[in-house]
Amino acid sequence: MTNPSPEEAKYFGTLLFTDDVIAGAVRETAPVFTKEEQKSRGLIRRLIGLCGGAKQMGMGVSAWPEGSLARSGVKGNRGRREEILHKYLLYGTKQLIGRRR
């Protein structure tokens, strides 16, 4: 799931997904990102936004970001690698913080 082909991303990305059944906010699993949303998903921009206290960076919302990148026509592995690295940093930090308590 971290390295989908464009065909896989198109097929699975168009399936509907919701993480809040009460509100009923149903959307595609992997929507297509605009160029601006692709830029804002870069790891450096995310880290700068977090350090600066930015709440909204204009990133596209996706349940499957790697699929969204594949559907958006992003070539190469840089975007997917940054998504994976961001997940490692995010969940690793949460795990370290949880151990301190």
PDB file of N, CA and C in Angstrom:
ATOM      1  N   MET A   1       0.809  -1.200   0.000  1.00  0.00           N
ATOM      2  CA  MET A   1       0.000   0.000   0.000  1.00  0.00           C
ATOM      3  C   MET A   1       0.855   1.268   0.000  1.00  0.00           C
ATOM      4  N   THR A   2       2.133   1.162   0.272  1.00  0.00           N
ATOM      5  CA  THR A   2       2.970   2.363   0.259  1.00  0.00           C
ATOM      6  C   THR A   2       3.540   2.667  -1.112  1.00  0.00           C
ATOM      7  N   ASN A   3       3.441   1.735  -2.038  1.00  0.00           N
ATOM      8  CA  ASN A   3       3.963   1.963  -3.378  1.00  0.00           C
ATOM      9  C   ASN A   3       2.958   1.450  -4.412  1.00  0.00           C
ATOM     10  N   PRO A   4       1.789   2.090  -4.503  1.00  0.00           N
ATOM     11  CA  PRO A   4       0.770   1.596  -5.429  1.00  0.00           C
ATOM     12  C   PRO A   4       1.064   1.987  -6.873  1.00  0.00           C
ATOM     13  N   SER A   5       0.639   1.138  -7.787  1.00  0.00           N
ATOM     14  CA  SER A   5       0.706   1.496  -9.196  1.00  0.00           C
ATOM     15  C   SER A   5      -0.438   2.485  -9.473  1.00  0.00           C
ATOM     16  N   PRO A   6      -0.349   3.230 -10.564  1.00  0.00           N
ATOM     17  CA  PRO A   6      -1.448   4.152 -10.873  1.00  0.00           C
ATOM     18  C   PRO A   6      -2.800   3.443 -11.029  1.00  0.00           C
ATOM     19  N   GLU A   7      -2.776   2.226 -11.548  1.00  0.00           N
ATOM     20  CA  GLU A   7      -4.019   1.479 -11.715  1.00  0.00           C
ATOM     21  C   GLU A   7      -4.614   1.091 -10.359  1.00  0.00           C
ATOM     22  N   GLU A   8      -3.751   0.634  -9.443  1.00  0.00           N
ATOM     23  CA  GLU A   8      -4.222   0.288  -8.097  1.00  0.00           C
ATOM     24  C   GLU A   8      -4.766   1.526  -7.377  1.00  0.00           C
ATOM     25  N   ALA A   9      -4.048   2.620  -7.502  1.00  0.00           N
ATOM     26  CA  ALA A   9      -4.474   3.854  -6.843  1.00  0.00           C
ATOM     27  C   ALA A   9      -5.803   4.338  -7.403  1.00  0.00           C
ATOM     28  N   LYS A  10      -5.983   4.210  -8.712  1.00  0.00           N
ATOM     29  CA  LYS A  10      -7.242   4.637  -9.319  1.00  0.00           C
ATOM     30  C   LYS A  10      -8.393   3.755  -8.840  1.00  0.00           C
ATOM     31  N   TYR A  11      -8.177   2.446  -8.798  1.00  0.00           N
ATOM     32  CA  TYR A  11      -9.240   1.525  -8.406  1.00  0.00           C
ATOM     33  C   TYR A  11      -9.594   1.668  -6.927  1.00  0.00           C
ATOM     34  N   PHE A  12      -8.600   1.546  -6.056  1.00  0.00           N
ATOM     35  CA  PHE A  12      -8.862   1.592  -4.627  1.00  0.00           C
ATOM     36  C   PHE A  12      -9.087   3.023  -4.117  1.00  0.00           C
ATOM     37  N   GLY A  13      -8.487   3.996  -4.764  1.00  0.00           N
ATOM     38  CA  GLY A  13      -8.613   5.384  -4.318  1.00  0.00           C
ATOM     39  C   GLY A  13      -9.977   5.987  -4.526  1.00  0.00           C
ATOM     40  N   THR A  14     -10.751   5.428  -5.455  1.00  0.00           N
ATOM     41  CA  THR A  14     -12.084   5.961  -5.701  1.00  0.00           C
ATOM     42  C   THR A  14     -13.135   5.352  -4.781  1.00  0.00           C
ATOM     43  N   LEU A  15     -12.753   4.359  -3.986  1.00  0.00           N
ATOM     44  CA  LEU A  15     -13.688   3.791  -3.019  1.00  0.00           C
ATOM     45  C   LEU A  15     -13.999   4.843  -1.955  1.00  0.00           C
ATOM     46  N   LEU A  16     -15.214   4.849  -1.479  1.00  0.00           N
ATOM     47  CA  LEU A  16     -15.623   5.856  -0.496  1.00  0.00           C
ATOM     48  C   LEU A  16     -15.171   5.458   0.908  1.00  0.00           C
ATOM     49  N   PHE A  17     -14.843   6.471   1.712  1.00  0.00           N
ATOM     50  CA  PHE A  17     -14.297   6.275   3.051  1.00  0.00           C
ATOM     51  C   PHE A  17     -14.862   7.340   3.979  1.00  0.00           C
ATOM     52  N   THR A  18     -15.092   6.950   5.213  1.00  0.00           N
ATOM     53  CA  THR A  18     -15.442   7.925   6.247  1.00  0.00           C
ATOM     54  C   THR A  18     -14.818   7.486   7.557  1.00  0.00           C
ATOM     55  N   ASP A  19     -14.371   8.438   8.338  1.00  0.00           N
ATOM     56  CA  ASP A  19     -13.857   8.127   9.668  1.00  0.00           C
ATOM     57  C   ASP A  19     -14.793   8.658  10.742  1.00  0.00           C
ATOM     58  N   ASP A  20     -15.922   9.214  10.317  1.00  0.00           N
ATOM     59  CA  ASP A  20     -16.910   9.731  11.250  1.00  0.00           C
ATOM     60  C   ASP A  20     -18.301   9.393  10.723  1.00  0.00           C
ATOM     61  N   VAL A  21     -18.825   8.276  11.166  1.00  0.00           N
ATOM     62  CA  VAL A  21     -20.112   7.821  10.642  1.00  0.00           C
ATOM     63  C   VAL A  21     -21.278   8.689  11.122  1.00  0.00           C
ATOM     64  N   ILE A  22     -21.106   9.395  12.212  1.00  0.00           N
ATOM     65  CA  ILE A  22     -22.180  10.240  12.729  1.00  0.00           C
ATOM     66  C   ILE A  22     -22.360  11.479  11.855  1.00  0.00           C
ATOM     67  N   ALA A  23     -21.261  12.126  11.504  1.00  0.00           N
ATOM     68  CA  ALA A  23     -21.341  13.331  10.682  1.00  0.00           C
ATOM     69  C   ALA A  23     -21.610  13.000   9.219  1.00  0.00           C
ATOM     70  N   GLY A  24     -21.229  11.808   8.798  1.00  0.00           N
ATOM     71  CA  GLY A  24     -21.488  11.390   7.425  1.00  0.00           C
ATOM     72  C   GLY A  24     -20.608  12.056   6.393  1.00  0.00           C
ATOM     73  N   ALA A  25     -19.426  12.451   6.764  1.00  0.00           N
ATOM     74  CA  ALA A  25     -18.498  13.077   5.827  1.00  0.00           C
ATOM     75  C   ALA A  25     -17.818  11.980   4.997  1.00  0.00           C
ATOM     76  N   VAL A  26     -18.470  11.568   3.929  1.00  0.00           N
ATOM     77  CA  VAL A  26     -17.955  10.504   3.074  1.00  0.00           C
ATOM     78  C   VAL A  26     -17.157  11.139   1.943  1.00  0.00           C
ATOM     79  N   ARG A  27     -15.976  10.601   1.695  1.00  0.00           N
ATOM     80  CA  ARG A  27     -15.132  11.117   0.605  1.00  0.00           C
ATOM     81  C   ARG A  27     -14.337   9.956   0.010  1.00  0.00           C
ATOM     82  N   GLU A  28     -13.637  10.225  -1.069  1.00  0.00           N
ATOM     83  CA  GLU A  28     -12.806   9.203  -1.688  1.00  0.00           C
ATOM     84  C   GLU A  28     -11.640   8.858  -0.769  1.00  0.00           C
ATOM     85  N   THR A  29     -11.201   7.620  -0.847  1.00  0.00           N
ATOM     86  CA  THR A  29     -10.073   7.185  -0.023  1.00  0.00           C
ATOM     87  C   THR A  29      -8.802   7.936  -0.390  1.00  0.00           C
ATOM     88  N   ALA A  30      -8.578   8.116  -1.684  1.00  0.00           N
ATOM     89  CA  ALA A  30      -7.367   8.803  -2.155  1.00  0.00           C
ATOM     90  C   ALA A  30      -7.748   9.833  -3.218  1.00  0.00           C
ATOM     91  N   PRO A  31      -8.173  11.034  -2.807  1.00  0.00           N
ATOM     92  CA  PRO A  31      -8.514  12.058  -3.795  1.00  0.00           C
ATOM     93  C   PRO A  31      -7.266  12.580  -4.505  1.00  0.00           C
ATOM     94  N   VAL A  32      -7.463  13.111  -5.675  1.00  0.00           N
ATOM     95  CA  VAL A  32      -6.352  13.667  -6.449  1.00  0.00           C
ATOM     96  C   VAL A  32      -5.934  14.991  -5.819  1.00  0.00           C
ATOM     97  N   PHE A  33      -4.618  15.154  -5.591  1.00  0.00           N
ATOM     98  CA  PHE A  33      -4.083  16.387  -5.014  1.00  0.00           C
ATOM     99  C   PHE A  33      -3.805  17.405  -6.115  1.00  0.00           C
ATOM    100  N   THR A  34      -4.018  18.676  -5.797  1.00  0.00           N
ATOM    101  CA  THR A  34      -3.611  19.750  -6.696  1.00  0.00           C
ATOM    102  C   THR A  34      -2.099  19.953  -6.549  1.00  0.00           C
ATOM    103  N   LYS A  35      -1.528  20.748  -7.413  1.00  0.00           N
ATOM    104  CA  LYS A  35      -0.075  21.017  -7.338  1.00  0.00           C
ATOM    105  C   LYS A  35       0.282  21.696  -6.017  1.00  0.00           C
ATOM    106  N   GLU A  36      -0.563  22.611  -5.569  1.00  0.00           N
ATOM    107  CA  GLU A  36      -0.289  23.320  -4.311  1.00  0.00           C
ATOM    108  C   GLU A  36      -0.364  22.365  -3.116  1.00  0.00           C
ATOM    109  N   GLU A  37      -1.323  21.453  -3.138  1.00  0.00           N
ATOM    110  CA  GLU A  37      -1.428  20.470  -2.055  1.00  0.00           C
ATOM    111  C   GLU A  37      -0.228  19.528  -2.062  1.00  0.00           C
ATOM    112  N   GLN A  38       0.266  19.187  -3.239  1.00  0.00           N
ATOM    113  CA  GLN A  38       1.452  18.334  -3.324  1.00  0.00           C
ATOM    114  C   GLN A  38       2.662  19.034  -2.725  1.00  0.00           C
ATOM    115  N   LYS A  39       2.817  20.326  -3.015  1.00  0.00           N
ATOM    116  CA  LYS A  39       3.936  21.091  -2.455  1.00  0.00           C
ATOM    117  C   LYS A  39       3.845  21.174  -0.936  1.00  0.00           C
ATOM    118  N   SER A  40       2.641  21.380  -0.410  1.00  0.00           N
ATOM    119  CA  SER A  40       2.489  21.556   1.031  1.00  0.00           C
ATOM    120  C   SER A  40       2.684  20.251   1.798  1.00  0.00           C
ATOM    121  N   ARG A  41       2.653  19.106   1.115  1.00  0.00           N
ATOM    122  CA  ARG A  41       2.851  17.821   1.775  1.00  0.00           C
ATOM    123  C   ARG A  41       4.337  17.476   1.918  1.00  0.00           C
ATOM    124  N   GLY A  42       5.226  18.313   1.428  1.00  0.00           N
ATOM    125  CA  GLY A  42       6.656  18.065   1.572  1.00  0.00           C
ATOM    126  C   GLY A  42       7.063  18.035   3.040  1.00  0.00           C
ATOM    127  N   LEU A  43       8.014  17.179   3.358  1.00  0.00           N
ATOM    128  CA  LEU A  43       8.414  16.980   4.749  1.00  0.00           C
ATOM    129  C   LEU A  43       8.951  18.262   5.385  1.00  0.00           C
ATOM    130  N   ILE A  44       9.771  18.990   4.667  1.00  0.00           N
ATOM    131  CA  ILE A  44      10.351  20.228   5.217  1.00  0.00           C
ATOM    132  C   ILE A  44       9.248  21.243   5.503  1.00  0.00           C
ATOM    133  N   ARG A  45       8.303  21.389   4.587  1.00  0.00           N
ATOM    134  CA  ARG A  45       7.203  22.339   4.821  1.00  0.00           C
ATOM    135  C   ARG A  45       6.358  21.924   6.016  1.00  0.00           C
ATOM    136  N   ARG A  46       6.142  20.630   6.176  1.00  0.00           N
ATOM    137  CA  ARG A  46       5.369  20.159   7.328  1.00  0.00           C
ATOM    138  C   ARG A  46       6.090  20.465   8.629  1.00  0.00           C
ATOM    139  N   LEU A  47       7.400  20.208   8.662  1.00  0.00           N
ATOM    140  CA  LEU A  47       8.166  20.467   9.886  1.00  0.00           C
ATOM    141  C   LEU A  47       8.208  21.949  10.203  1.00  0.00           C
ATOM    142  N   ILE A  48       8.375  22.792   9.193  1.00  0.00           N
ATOM    143  CA  ILE A  48       8.370  24.234   9.414  1.00  0.00           C
ATOM    144  C   ILE A  48       7.005  24.678   9.927  1.00  0.00           C
ATOM    145  N   GLY A  49       5.941  24.121   9.361  1.00  0.00           N
ATOM    146  CA  GLY A  49       4.588  24.454   9.811  1.00  0.00           C
ATOM    147  C   GLY A  49       4.343  24.048  11.243  1.00  0.00           C
ATOM    148  N   LEU A  50       4.857  22.886  11.638  1.00  0.00           N
ATOM    149  CA  LEU A  50       4.687  22.433  13.014  1.00  0.00           C
ATOM    150  C   LEU A  50       5.476  23.299  13.989  1.00  0.00           C
ATOM    151  N   CYS A  51       6.700  23.657  13.609  1.00  0.00           N
ATOM    152  CA  CYS A  51       7.522  24.490  14.491  1.00  0.00           C
ATOM    153  C   CYS A  51       6.950  25.892  14.607  1.00  0.00           C
ATOM    154  N   GLY A  52       6.347  26.374  13.533  1.00  0.00           N
ATOM    155  CA  GLY A  52       5.779  27.716  13.547  1.00  0.00           C
ATOM    156  C   GLY A  52       4.396  27.772  14.147  1.00  0.00           C
ATOM    157  N   GLY A  53       3.851  26.612  14.484  1.00  0.00           N
ATOM    158  CA  GLY A  53       2.531  26.583  15.076  1.00  0.00           C
ATOM    159  C   GLY A  53       1.406  26.724  14.072  1.00  0.00           C
ATOM    160  N   ALA A  54       1.685  26.453  12.806  1.00  0.00           N
ATOM    161  CA  ALA A  54       0.647  26.575  11.780  1.00  0.00           C
ATOM    162  C   ALA A  54      -0.394  25.477  11.960  1.00  0.00           C
ATOM    163  N   LYS A  55      -1.636  25.869  11.988  1.00  0.00           N
ATOM    164  CA  LYS A  55      -2.717  24.900  12.140  1.00  0.00           C
ATOM    165  C   LYS A  55      -3.180  24.381  10.787  1.00  0.00           C
ATOM    166  N   GLN A  56      -3.318  25.261   9.816  1.00  0.00           N
ATOM    167  CA  GLN A  56      -3.831  24.872   8.514  1.00  0.00           C
ATOM    168  C   GLN A  56      -2.785  25.218   7.463  1.00  0.00           C
ATOM    169  N   MET A  57      -2.271  24.184   6.784  1.00  0.00           N
ATOM    170  CA  MET A  57      -1.236  24.409   5.779  1.00  0.00           C
ATOM    171  C   MET A  57      -1.759  24.211   4.366  1.00  0.00           C
ATOM    172  N   GLY A  58      -3.052  23.952   4.190  1.00  0.00           N
ATOM    173  CA  GLY A  58      -3.593  23.756   2.859  1.00  0.00           C
ATOM    174  C   GLY A  58      -3.276  22.396   2.279  1.00  0.00           C
ATOM    175  N   MET A  59      -2.968  21.425   3.139  1.00  0.00           N
ATOM    176  CA  MET A  59      -2.695  20.080   2.658  1.00  0.00           C
ATOM    177  C   MET A  59      -4.003  19.398   2.311  1.00  0.00           C
ATOM    178  N   GLY A  60      -3.954  18.564   1.299  1.00  0.00           N
ATOM    179  CA  GLY A  60      -5.130  17.783   0.966  1.00  0.00           C
ATOM    180  C   GLY A  60      -5.368  16.707   2.006  1.00  0.00           C
ATOM    181  N   VAL A  61      -6.622  16.441   2.298  1.00  0.00           N
ATOM    182  CA  VAL A  61      -6.979  15.419   3.270  1.00  0.00           C
ATOM    183  C   VAL A  61      -7.149  14.108   2.520  1.00  0.00           C
ATOM    184  N   SER A  62      -6.455  13.085   2.981  1.00  0.00           N
ATOM    185  CA  SER A  62      -6.524  11.792   2.321  1.00  0.00           C
ATOM    186  C   SER A  62      -6.347  10.690   3.355  1.00  0.00           C
ATOM    187  N   ALA A  63      -7.162   9.649   3.225  1.00  0.00           N
ATOM    188  CA  ALA A  63      -7.004   8.481   4.092  1.00  0.00           C
ATOM    189  C   ALA A  63      -5.832   7.628   3.621  1.00  0.00           C
ATOM    190  N   TRP A  64      -5.432   7.794   2.395  1.00  0.00           N
ATOM    191  CA  TRP A  64      -4.339   7.021   1.801  1.00  0.00           C
ATOM    192  C   TRP A  64      -3.476   7.978   0.966  1.00  0.00           C
ATOM    193  N   PRO A  65      -2.561   8.712   1.613  1.00  0.00           N
ATOM    194  CA  PRO A  65      -1.789   9.737   0.907  1.00  0.00           C
ATOM    195  C   PRO A  65      -0.935   9.186  -0.233  1.00  0.00           C
ATOM    196  N   GLU A  66      -0.392   7.981  -0.062  1.00  0.00           N
ATOM    197  CA  GLU A  66       0.434   7.404  -1.123  1.00  0.00           C
ATOM    198  C   GLU A  66      -0.401   7.151  -2.379  1.00  0.00           C
ATOM    199  N   GLY A  67      -1.646   6.715  -2.187  1.00  0.00           N
ATOM    200  CA  GLY A  67      -2.544   6.518  -3.318  1.00  0.00           C
ATOM    201  C   GLY A  67      -2.923   7.828  -3.974  1.00  0.00           C
ATOM    202  N   SER A  68      -3.111   8.865  -3.164  1.00  0.00           N
ATOM    203  CA  SER A  68      -3.422  10.181  -3.718  1.00  0.00           C
ATOM    204  C   SER A  68      -2.268  10.712  -4.554  1.00  0.00           C
ATOM    205  N   LEU A  69      -1.042  10.493  -4.095  1.00  0.00           N
ATOM    206  CA  LEU A  69       0.116  10.927  -4.876  1.00  0.00           C
ATOM    207  C   LEU A  69       0.192  10.172  -6.196  1.00  0.00           C
ATOM    208  N   ALA A  70      -0.088   8.871  -6.161  1.00  0.00           N
ATOM    209  CA  ALA A  70      -0.062   8.081  -7.395  1.00  0.00           C
ATOM    210  C   ALA A  70      -1.173   8.528  -8.344  1.00  0.00           C
ATOM    211  N   ARG A  71      -2.349   8.820  -7.807  1.00  0.00           N
ATOM    212  CA  ARG A  71      -3.454   9.294  -8.646  1.00  0.00           C
ATOM    213  C   ARG A  71      -3.191  10.682  -9.204  1.00  0.00           C
ATOM    214  N   SER A  72      -2.387  11.478  -8.508  1.00  0.00           N
ATOM    215  CA  SER A  72      -2.087  12.836  -8.955  1.00  0.00           C
ATOM    216  C   SER A  72      -1.026  12.869 -10.040  1.00  0.00           C
ATOM    217  N   GLY A  73      -0.442  11.731 -10.330  1.00  0.00           N
ATOM    218  CA  GLY A  73       0.565  11.667 -11.382  1.00  0.00           C
ATOM    219  C   GLY A  73       1.963  12.042 -10.932  1.00  0.00           C
ATOM    220  N   VAL A  74       2.238  11.968  -9.643  1.00  0.00           N
ATOM    221  CA  VAL A  74       3.567  12.291  -9.123  1.00  0.00           C
ATOM    222  C   VAL A  74       4.544  11.210  -9.568  1.00  0.00           C
ATOM    223  N   LYS A  75       5.605  11.610 -10.220  1.00  0.00           N
ATOM    224  CA  LYS A  75       6.615  10.668 -10.693  1.00  0.00           C
ATOM    225  C   LYS A  75       7.727  10.544  -9.653  1.00  0.00           C
ATOM    226  N   GLY A  76       8.331   9.391  -9.588  1.00  0.00           N
ATOM    227  CA  GLY A  76       9.430   9.166  -8.657  1.00  0.00           C
ATOM    228  C   GLY A  76       8.932   8.757  -7.283  1.00  0.00           C
ATOM    229  N   ASN A  77       9.873   8.528  -6.401  1.00  0.00           N
ATOM    230  CA  ASN A  77       9.551   8.025  -5.063  1.00  0.00           C
ATOM    231  C   ASN A  77       9.680   9.066  -3.965  1.00  0.00           C
ATOM    232  N   ARG A  78      10.062  10.278  -4.292  1.00  0.00           N
ATOM    233  CA  ARG A  78      10.312  11.267  -3.247  1.00  0.00           C
ATOM    234  C   ARG A  78       9.080  11.538  -2.393  1.00  0.00           C
ATOM    235  N   GLY A  79       7.931  11.746  -3.013  1.00  0.00           N
ATOM    236  CA  GLY A  79       6.714  12.030  -2.259  1.00  0.00           C
ATOM    237  C   GLY A  79       6.330  10.891  -1.339  1.00  0.00           C
ATOM    238  N   ARG A  80       6.441   9.658  -1.847  1.00  0.00           N
ATOM    239  CA  ARG A  80       6.097   8.500  -1.022  1.00  0.00           C
ATOM    240  C   ARG A  80       7.097   8.319   0.114  1.00  0.00           C
ATOM    241  N   ARG A  81       8.363   8.551  -0.162  1.00  0.00           N
ATOM    242  CA  ARG A  81       9.367   8.439   0.907  1.00  0.00           C
ATOM    243  C   ARG A  81       9.130   9.471   1.986  1.00  0.00           C
ATOM    244  N   GLU A  82       8.759  10.691   1.601  1.00  0.00           N
ATOM    245  CA  GLU A  82       8.481  11.730   2.590  1.00  0.00           C
ATOM    246  C   GLU A  82       7.254  11.377   3.421  1.00  0.00           C
ATOM    247  N   GLU A  83       6.242  10.779   2.808  1.00  0.00           N
ATOM    248  CA  GLU A  83       5.057  10.338   3.564  1.00  0.00           C
ATOM    249  C   GLU A  83       5.448   9.274   4.595  1.00  0.00           C
ATOM    250  N   ILE A  84       6.252   8.310   4.185  1.00  0.00           N
ATOM    251  CA  ILE A  84       6.673   7.245   5.093  1.00  0.00           C
ATOM    252  C   ILE A  84       7.529   7.816   6.220  1.00  0.00           C
ATOM    253  N   LEU A  85       8.470   8.692   5.891  1.00  0.00           N
ATOM    254  CA  LEU A  85       9.321   9.302   6.909  1.00  0.00           C
ATOM    255  C   LEU A  85       8.495  10.134   7.879  1.00  0.00           C
ATOM    256  N   HIS A  86       7.502  10.856   7.370  1.00  0.00           N
ATOM    257  CA  HIS A  86       6.633  11.645   8.240  1.00  0.00           C
ATOM    258  C   HIS A  86       5.900  10.736   9.222  1.00  0.00           C
ATOM    259  N   LYS A  87       5.416   9.588   8.756  1.00  0.00           N
ATOM    260  CA  LYS A  87       4.717   8.651   9.646  1.00  0.00           C
ATOM    261  C   LYS A  87       5.655   8.106  10.712  1.00  0.00           C
ATOM    262  N   TYR A  88       6.887   7.761  10.330  1.00  0.00           N
ATOM    263  CA  TYR A  88       7.857   7.282  11.320  1.00  0.00           C
ATOM    264  C   TYR A  88       8.141   8.349  12.364  1.00  0.00           C
ATOM    265  N   LEU A  89       8.335   9.589  11.936  1.00  0.00           N
ATOM    266  CA  LEU A  89       8.604  10.674  12.882  1.00  0.00           C
ATOM    267  C   LEU A  89       7.397  10.928  13.782  1.00  0.00           C
ATOM    268  N   LEU A  90       6.206  10.943  13.199  1.00  0.00           N
ATOM    269  CA  LEU A  90       4.998  11.222  13.969  1.00  0.00           C
ATOM    270  C   LEU A  90       4.748  10.146  15.019  1.00  0.00           C
ATOM    271  N   TYR A  91       4.710   8.894  14.600  1.00  0.00           N
ATOM    272  CA  TYR A  91       4.387   7.823  15.542  1.00  0.00           C
ATOM    273  C   TYR A  91       5.554   7.505  16.474  1.00  0.00           C
ATOM    274  N   GLY A  92       6.787   7.701  16.016  1.00  0.00           N
ATOM    275  CA  GLY A  92       7.937   7.516  16.894  1.00  0.00           C
ATOM    276  C   GLY A  92       7.960   8.535  18.012  1.00  0.00           C
ATOM    277  N   THR A  93       7.645   9.782  17.674  1.00  0.00           N
ATOM    278  CA  THR A  93       7.582  10.836  18.686  1.00  0.00           C
ATOM    279  C   THR A  93       6.471  10.562  19.683  1.00  0.00           C
ATOM    280  N   LYS A  94       5.310  10.138  19.186  1.00  0.00           N
ATOM    281  CA  LYS A  94       4.206   9.817  20.094  1.00  0.00           C
ATOM    282  C   LYS A  94       4.581   8.679  21.036  1.00  0.00           C
ATOM    283  N   GLN A  95       5.316   7.704  20.516  1.00  0.00           N
ATOM    284  CA  GLN A  95       5.714   6.578  21.357  1.00  0.00           C
ATOM    285  C   GLN A  95       6.720   7.019  22.417  1.00  0.00           C
ATOM    286  N   LEU A  96       7.657   7.880  22.044  1.00  0.00           N
ATOM    287  CA  LEU A  96       8.633   8.377  23.025  1.00  0.00           C
ATOM    288  C   LEU A  96       7.958   9.218  24.100  1.00  0.00           C
ATOM    289  N   ILE A  97       7.029  10.053  23.704  1.00  0.00           N
ATOM    290  CA  ILE A  97       6.311  10.881  24.677  1.00  0.00           C
ATOM    291  C   ILE A  97       5.499  10.004  25.617  1.00  0.00           C
ATOM    292  N   GLY A  98       4.882   8.966  25.078  1.00  0.00           N
ATOM    293  CA  GLY A  98       4.078   8.061  25.890  1.00  0.00           C
ATOM    294  C   GLY A  98       4.902   7.308  26.920  1.00  0.00           C
ATOM    295  N   ARG A  99       6.147   7.008  26.618  1.00  0.00           N
ATOM    296  CA  ARG A  99       7.017   6.298  27.554  1.00  0.00           C
ATOM    297  C   ARG A  99       7.441   7.171  28.722  1.00  0.00           C
ATOM    298  N   ARG A 100       7.483   8.481  28.507  1.00  0.00           N
ATOM    299  CA  ARG A 100       7.901   9.388  29.592  1.00  0.00           C
ATOM    300  C   ARG A 100       6.875   9.482  30.691  1.00  0.00           C
ATOM    301  N   ARG A 101       5.636   9.278  30.358  1.00  0.00           N
ATOM    302  CA  ARG A 101       4.552   9.461  31.338  1.00  0.00           C
ATOM    303  C   ARG A 101       4.452   8.323  32.263  1.00  0.00           C
TER     304      ARG A 101
END
